Amino acid sequence: MKVEKNIKMLQLVTGDVIIGNVVEEDNNLNIEKPLQVMVDPMQGVGMVPYLTMFTNKEMNNVVISKDKVVVYIEEYDEVFTVKYLEHLTGVITPANNIEV
């Protein structure tokens, strides 16, 4: 399965770690289909729809100022991409079959 999107992870100044399709626009990052990454030592990696503190609705797109990003993670374990795609599509794919 070939993934054409620019799926990246970001850590924000709030401490939230989000993953999504990142499109850079001037001083902002447009994050399409953002999910918040949750890592539990006992249960592994989980993801939930990213909710800002201003709404309880699932966000399809979030625009974040680049100065609010602490870490921009371009290379990470592919388990995060697999979990992200599983969450969005419902299709479970073994990690070693994904080309990013």
N, C-alpha and C. Protein backbone atom coordinates (compact mmCIF):
# COMPACT_ATOMS: atom_id res chain seq x y z
N MET A 1 0.85 -1.19 0.00
CA MET A 1 0.00 0.00 0.00
C MET A 1 0.89 1.23 0.00
N LYS A 2 0.74 2.08 -0.97
CA LYS A 2 1.53 3.30 -1.09
C LYS A 2 0.75 4.46 -0.49
N VAL A 3 1.37 5.19 0.42
CA VAL A 3 0.74 6.34 1.05
C VAL A 3 1.31 7.60 0.42
N GLU A 4 0.47 8.37 -0.27
CA GLU A 4 0.91 9.55 -0.98
C GLU A 4 0.87 10.82 -0.12
N LYS A 5 0.25 10.73 1.02
CA LYS A 5 0.08 11.90 1.87
C LYS A 5 1.39 12.25 2.58
N ASN A 6 1.43 13.44 3.15
CA ASN A 6 2.58 13.93 3.90
C ASN A 6 2.26 13.79 5.39
N ILE A 7 2.17 12.55 5.86
CA ILE A 7 1.77 12.27 7.24
C ILE A 7 2.97 12.53 8.16
N LYS A 8 2.78 13.46 9.08
CA LYS A 8 3.83 13.86 10.02
C LYS A 8 3.25 13.93 11.42
N MET A 9 4.14 13.91 12.41
CA MET A 9 3.74 14.10 13.80
C MET A 9 4.33 15.40 14.31
N LEU A 10 3.56 16.07 15.17
CA LEU A 10 3.98 17.34 15.75
C LEU A 10 3.75 17.30 17.25
N GLN A 11 4.68 17.87 18.00
CA GLN A 11 4.42 18.10 19.41
C GLN A 11 4.24 19.60 19.58
N LEU A 12 3.12 19.97 20.19
CA LEU A 12 2.78 21.38 20.36
C LEU A 12 3.27 21.91 21.69
N VAL A 13 3.25 23.22 21.85
CA VAL A 13 3.67 23.84 23.11
C VAL A 13 2.78 23.38 24.27
N THR A 14 1.58 22.91 23.98
CA THR A 14 0.66 22.40 25.01
C THR A 14 1.05 21.02 25.50
N GLY A 15 1.96 20.36 24.76
CA GLY A 15 2.36 18.99 25.10
C GLY A 15 1.63 17.96 24.26
N ASP A 16 0.56 18.37 23.56
CA ASP A 16 -0.17 17.45 22.69
C ASP A 16 0.73 16.98 21.56
N VAL A 17 0.63 15.69 21.23
CA VAL A 17 1.31 15.14 20.06
C VAL A 17 0.21 14.77 19.09
N ILE A 18 0.26 15.35 17.88
CA ILE A 18 -0.75 15.06 16.88
C ILE A 18 -0.10 14.53 15.61
N ILE A 19 -0.87 13.76 14.88
CA ILE A 19 -0.43 13.20 13.61
C ILE A 19 -1.51 13.51 12.58
N GLY A 20 -1.07 13.79 11.36
CA GLY A 20 -2.02 14.08 10.29
C GLY A 20 -1.29 14.43 9.02
N ASN A 21 -2.05 14.68 7.98
CA ASN A 21 -1.48 15.11 6.72
C ASN A 21 -1.15 16.59 6.84
N VAL A 22 0.14 16.92 6.74
CA VAL A 22 0.61 18.29 6.98
C VAL A 22 0.83 19.02 5.66
N VAL A 23 0.21 20.19 5.55
CA VAL A 23 0.42 21.07 4.41
C VAL A 23 0.93 22.39 4.96
N GLU A 24 2.13 22.79 4.53
CA GLU A 24 2.71 24.05 5.02
C GLU A 24 2.15 25.22 4.21
N GLU A 25 1.74 26.26 4.93
CA GLU A 25 1.20 27.47 4.31
C GLU A 25 1.76 28.68 5.05
N ASP A 26 2.73 29.35 4.47
CA ASP A 26 3.36 30.53 5.07
C ASP A 26 3.85 30.21 6.48
N ASN A 27 3.30 30.88 7.50
CA ASN A 27 3.72 30.66 8.89
C ASN A 27 2.84 29.67 9.63
N ASN A 28 2.00 28.95 8.87
CA ASN A 28 1.07 28.01 9.48
C ASN A 28 1.25 26.61 8.92
N LEU A 29 0.75 25.63 9.68
CA LEU A 29 0.67 24.26 9.22
C LEU A 29 -0.81 23.89 9.21
N ASN A 30 -1.30 23.44 8.07
CA ASN A 30 -2.67 22.94 7.97
C ASN A 30 -2.61 21.43 8.18
N ILE A 31 -3.25 20.96 9.23
CA ILE A 31 -3.24 19.53 9.56
C ILE A 31 -4.60 18.95 9.18
N GLU A 32 -4.60 18.08 8.16
CA GLU A 32 -5.83 17.44 7.72
C GLU A 32 -6.02 16.14 8.49
N LYS A 33 -7.24 15.89 8.96
CA LYS A 33 -7.59 14.68 9.72
C LYS A 33 -6.65 14.47 10.90
N PRO A 34 -6.51 15.47 11.78
CA PRO A 34 -5.57 15.32 12.89
C PRO A 34 -6.07 14.35 13.96
N LEU A 35 -5.14 13.53 14.45
CA LEU A 35 -5.41 12.63 15.56
C LEU A 35 -4.40 12.91 16.65
N GLN A 36 -4.84 12.81 17.90
CA GLN A 36 -3.91 12.97 19.02
C GLN A 36 -3.32 11.61 19.34
N VAL A 37 -2.00 11.55 19.47
CA VAL A 37 -1.28 10.31 19.76
C VAL A 37 -1.23 10.12 21.27
N MET A 38 -1.62 8.93 21.70
CA MET A 38 -1.56 8.56 23.11
C MET A 38 -0.70 7.30 23.21
N VAL A 39 0.35 7.35 24.02
CA VAL A 39 1.21 6.19 24.19
C VAL A 39 1.10 5.73 25.64
N ASP A 40 0.69 4.48 25.81
CA ASP A 40 0.55 3.87 27.13
C ASP A 40 1.52 2.70 27.20
N PRO A 41 2.40 2.68 28.21
CA PRO A 41 3.38 1.59 28.30
C PRO A 41 2.74 0.21 28.38
N MET A 42 1.53 0.13 28.91
CA MET A 42 0.86 -1.16 29.05
C MET A 42 0.03 -1.54 27.82
N GLN A 43 -0.55 -0.56 27.13
CA GLN A 43 -1.44 -0.87 26.02
C GLN A 43 -0.89 -0.47 24.66
N GLY A 44 0.24 0.20 24.62
CA GLY A 44 0.84 0.59 23.35
C GLY A 44 0.32 1.92 22.83
N VAL A 45 0.32 2.04 21.50
CA VAL A 45 -0.04 3.28 20.83
C VAL A 45 -1.55 3.33 20.59
N GLY A 46 -2.14 4.48 20.89
CA GLY A 46 -3.55 4.70 20.60
C GLY A 46 -3.70 6.09 20.01
N MET A 47 -4.79 6.30 19.32
CA MET A 47 -5.06 7.62 18.73
C MET A 47 -6.53 7.95 18.89
N VAL A 48 -6.78 9.21 19.15
CA VAL A 48 -8.14 9.70 19.28
C VAL A 48 -8.27 10.95 18.42
N PRO A 49 -9.48 11.26 17.97
CA PRO A 49 -9.65 12.50 17.20
C PRO A 49 -9.14 13.69 18.00
N TYR A 50 -8.43 14.58 17.33
CA TYR A 50 -7.87 15.75 18.00
C TYR A 50 -8.97 16.76 18.29
N LEU A 51 -9.10 17.11 19.54
CA LEU A 51 -10.08 18.10 19.96
C LEU A 51 -9.33 19.28 20.55
N THR A 52 -9.65 20.45 20.09
CA THR A 52 -9.05 21.62 20.70
C THR A 52 -9.78 21.91 22.00
N MET A 53 -9.21 22.75 22.83
CA MET A 53 -9.85 23.07 24.10
C MET A 53 -11.09 23.93 23.91
N PHE A 54 -11.33 24.38 22.69
CA PHE A 54 -12.45 25.28 22.44
C PHE A 54 -13.70 24.58 21.91
N THR A 55 -13.60 23.31 21.59
CA THR A 55 -14.74 22.60 21.04
C THR A 55 -14.68 21.14 21.44
N ASN A 56 -15.82 20.48 21.45
CA ASN A 56 -15.84 19.05 21.70
C ASN A 56 -16.15 18.29 20.42
N LYS A 57 -15.99 18.96 19.28
CA LYS A 57 -16.25 18.34 17.98
C LYS A 57 -14.96 17.83 17.37
N GLU A 58 -15.06 16.72 16.65
CA GLU A 58 -13.91 16.19 15.92
C GLU A 58 -13.53 17.17 14.83
N MET A 59 -12.24 17.44 14.71
CA MET A 59 -11.75 18.41 13.74
C MET A 59 -11.29 17.69 12.47
N ASN A 60 -11.73 18.16 11.29
CA ASN A 60 -11.26 17.60 10.03
C ASN A 60 -9.99 18.30 9.56
N ASN A 61 -9.87 19.57 9.91
CA ASN A 61 -8.69 20.35 9.56
C ASN A 61 -8.40 21.31 10.70
N VAL A 62 -7.12 21.43 11.04
CA VAL A 62 -6.70 22.36 12.07
C VAL A 62 -5.53 23.16 11.51
N VAL A 63 -5.57 24.47 11.69
CA VAL A 63 -4.45 25.32 11.28
C VAL A 63 -3.70 25.71 12.54
N ILE A 64 -2.41 25.40 12.55
CA ILE A 64 -1.56 25.67 13.71
C ILE A 64 -0.41 26.56 13.28
N SER A 65 -0.18 27.61 14.04
CA SER A 65 0.94 28.50 13.77
C SER A 65 2.24 27.73 14.01
N LYS A 66 3.20 27.89 13.12
CA LYS A 66 4.47 27.17 13.24
C LYS A 66 5.18 27.46 14.57
N ASP A 67 4.95 28.65 15.15
CA ASP A 67 5.62 28.97 16.41
C ASP A 67 4.99 28.25 17.61
N LYS A 68 3.92 27.51 17.39
CA LYS A 68 3.30 26.71 18.45
C LYS A 68 3.75 25.25 18.42
N VAL A 69 4.66 24.94 17.49
CA VAL A 69 5.17 23.58 17.34
C VAL A 69 6.54 23.50 18.00
N VAL A 70 6.67 22.57 18.96
CA VAL A 70 7.94 22.37 19.66
C VAL A 70 8.81 21.41 18.88
N VAL A 71 8.21 20.32 18.40
CA VAL A 71 8.95 19.29 17.66
C VAL A 71 8.15 18.92 16.42
N TYR A 72 8.82 18.93 15.27
CA TYR A 72 8.24 18.52 14.00
C TYR A 72 8.90 17.20 13.65
N ILE A 73 8.16 16.11 13.75
CA ILE A 73 8.72 14.77 13.61
C ILE A 73 8.46 14.25 12.20
N GLU A 74 9.51 14.16 11.41
CA GLU A 74 9.37 13.68 10.03
C GLU A 74 9.62 12.18 9.91
N GLU A 75 10.51 11.66 10.74
CA GLU A 75 10.82 10.23 10.67
C GLU A 75 10.49 9.61 12.02
N TYR A 76 9.63 8.60 11.99
CA TYR A 76 9.18 7.95 13.20
C TYR A 76 8.85 6.51 12.87
N ASP A 77 8.65 5.69 13.90
CA ASP A 77 8.32 4.28 13.70
C ASP A 77 7.03 4.17 12.89
N GLU A 78 7.02 3.29 11.91
CA GLU A 78 5.86 3.19 11.02
C GLU A 78 4.60 2.69 11.73
N VAL A 79 4.72 2.20 12.95
CA VAL A 79 3.53 1.80 13.69
C VAL A 79 2.56 2.97 13.85
N PHE A 80 3.09 4.20 13.92
CA PHE A 80 2.24 5.37 14.05
C PHE A 80 1.44 5.61 12.77
N THR A 81 2.08 5.45 11.61
CA THR A 81 1.37 5.61 10.34
C THR A 81 0.32 4.52 10.19
N VAL A 82 0.66 3.29 10.56
CA VAL A 82 -0.30 2.18 10.48
C VAL A 82 -1.52 2.46 11.35
N LYS A 83 -1.29 2.86 12.59
CA LYS A 83 -2.40 3.16 13.50
C LYS A 83 -3.24 4.33 12.98
N TYR A 84 -2.58 5.35 12.43
CA TYR A 84 -3.28 6.51 11.87
C TYR A 84 -4.22 6.06 10.74
N LEU A 85 -3.69 5.30 9.79
CA LEU A 85 -4.49 4.84 8.66
C LEU A 85 -5.59 3.89 9.09
N GLU A 86 -5.32 3.02 10.08
CA GLU A 86 -6.35 2.13 10.61
C GLU A 86 -7.50 2.95 11.18
N HIS A 87 -7.17 3.99 11.93
CA HIS A 87 -8.20 4.82 12.55
C HIS A 87 -9.06 5.51 11.49
N LEU A 88 -8.43 6.03 10.43
CA LEU A 88 -9.17 6.76 9.41
C LEU A 88 -9.98 5.85 8.48
N THR A 89 -9.42 4.69 8.13
CA THR A 89 -10.05 3.85 7.12
C THR A 89 -10.75 2.62 7.68
N GLY A 90 -10.35 2.19 8.87
CA GLY A 90 -10.91 0.95 9.41
C GLY A 90 -10.24 -0.28 8.84
N VAL A 91 -9.27 -0.09 7.94
CA VAL A 91 -8.56 -1.20 7.31
C VAL A 91 -7.29 -1.49 8.10
N ILE A 92 -7.14 -2.73 8.53
CA ILE A 92 -5.96 -3.13 9.29
C ILE A 92 -4.94 -3.70 8.32
N THR A 93 -3.74 -3.09 8.31
CA THR A 93 -2.67 -3.48 7.41
C THR A 93 -1.41 -3.78 8.22
N PRO A 94 -0.76 -4.91 7.98
CA PRO A 94 0.52 -5.16 8.68
C PRO A 94 1.52 -4.07 8.35
N ALA A 95 2.30 -3.65 9.34
CA ALA A 95 3.23 -2.53 9.19
C ALA A 95 4.23 -2.75 8.06
N ASN A 96 4.67 -3.96 7.83
CA ASN A 96 5.71 -4.18 6.83
C ASN A 96 5.19 -4.12 5.39
N ASN A 97 3.88 -3.90 5.19
CA ASN A 97 3.34 -3.77 3.84
C ASN A 97 3.06 -2.33 3.44
N ILE A 98 3.47 -1.38 4.24
CA ILE A 98 3.21 0.02 3.93
C ILE A 98 4.48 0.70 3.47
N GLU A 99 4.40 1.39 2.33
CA GLU A 99 5.51 2.20 1.85
C GLU A 99 5.17 3.65 2.08
N VAL A 100 6.00 4.36 2.82
CA VAL A 100 5.74 5.77 3.07
C VAL A 100 6.78 6.60 2.37
